[in-house]
Protein backbone atom coordinates (compact mmCIF):
# COMPACT_ATOMS: atom_id res chain seq x y z
CA MET A 1 9.84 -12.94 2.03
CA PRO A 2 11.74 -10.22 3.16
CA GLY A 3 9.76 -7.04 3.48
CA LYS A 4 6.14 -8.24 4.71
CA GLY A 5 6.26 -7.60 8.41
CA LYS A 6 4.04 -5.05 10.24
CA ARG A 7 4.92 -1.14 9.42
CA LYS A 8 5.54 0.52 12.24
CA GLY A 9 4.27 4.38 11.60
CA ARG A 10 2.97 7.04 13.70
CA SER A 11 -1.00 6.24 14.57
CA GLN A 12 -3.22 8.85 16.36
CA PRO A 13 -4.24 8.59 19.81
CA ARG A 14 -7.23 6.53 19.74
CA GLY A 15 -10.43 8.79 20.45
CA LYS A 16 -9.59 12.11 19.10
CA LYS A 17 -9.72 12.26 15.31
CA GLN A 18 -8.02 15.03 13.37
CA LYS A 19 -10.42 17.64 11.80
CA LYS A 20 -10.61 17.82 7.87
CA PRO A 21 -9.58 21.95 6.85
CA GLU A 22 -12.64 23.16 5.55
CA VAL A 23 -12.21 23.19 1.88
CA ASP A 24 -13.86 25.99 -0.62
CA ILE A 25 -14.80 24.54 -3.30
CA LEU A 26 -15.61 28.03 -5.04
CA SER A 27 -11.72 28.95 -4.65
CA PRO A 28 -9.57 29.75 -8.11
CA ALA A 29 -7.16 26.60 -7.24
CA ALA A 30 -10.94 24.62 -7.18
CA MET A 31 -12.44 26.15 -10.09
CA LEU A 32 -9.15 25.34 -12.83
CA ASN A 33 -9.50 21.90 -11.32
CA LEU A 34 -13.15 22.05 -11.90
CA TYR A 35 -12.74 23.44 -15.53
CA TYR A 36 -10.55 20.35 -16.61
CA ILE A 37 -12.92 17.36 -15.32
CA ALA A 38 -16.01 18.31 -15.69
CA HIS A 39 -17.92 18.61 -19.26
CA ASN A 40 -20.99 20.29 -18.10
CA VAL A 41 -22.98 21.63 -14.92
CA ALA A 42 -24.61 18.02 -14.18
CA GLY A 43 -21.24 16.99 -13.82
CA CYS A 44 -19.71 19.56 -12.07
CA LEU A 45 -22.33 18.77 -9.47
CA HIS A 46 -22.06 15.56 -9.39
CA LEU A 47 -18.22 15.39 -8.81
CA ARG A 48 -18.59 18.19 -5.94
CA GLY A 49 -20.98 15.45 -4.36
CA PHE A 50 -24.30 17.14 -4.99
CA ARG A 51 -25.79 14.27 -6.67
CA TRP A 52 -30.10 13.50 -7.53
CA PRO A 53 -31.77 10.78 -6.76
CA GLY A 54 -32.14 9.48 -10.22
CA ALA A 55 -28.17 9.38 -11.05
CA THR A 56 -27.01 6.36 -11.84
CA LYS A 57 -23.91 5.28 -9.73
CA SER A 58 -20.55 4.91 -11.17
CA LYS A 59 -18.59 1.56 -10.96
CA LYS A 60 -15.08 2.02 -9.90
CA GLY A 61 -12.48 -0.17 -11.25
CA LYS A 62 -14.47 -0.50 -14.74
CA ASN A 63 -11.93 -1.94 -17.17
CA LYS A 64 -11.93 -0.06 -20.69
CA THR A 65 -10.73 -2.10 -23.52
């Protein structure tokens, strides 16, 4: 089948990892995004990675019907 070969692309040299840029979660752009996706403070913290021990884990790929 055409198009089912190995992809050739640029790869990073082994041993060197690019540093992820440090993101300010309190920047105006981040706050605007959070305003539209979070419903309350607990949801805000959960989305930003500050989870608490009793929090339920969300199931990825759950189908809604």
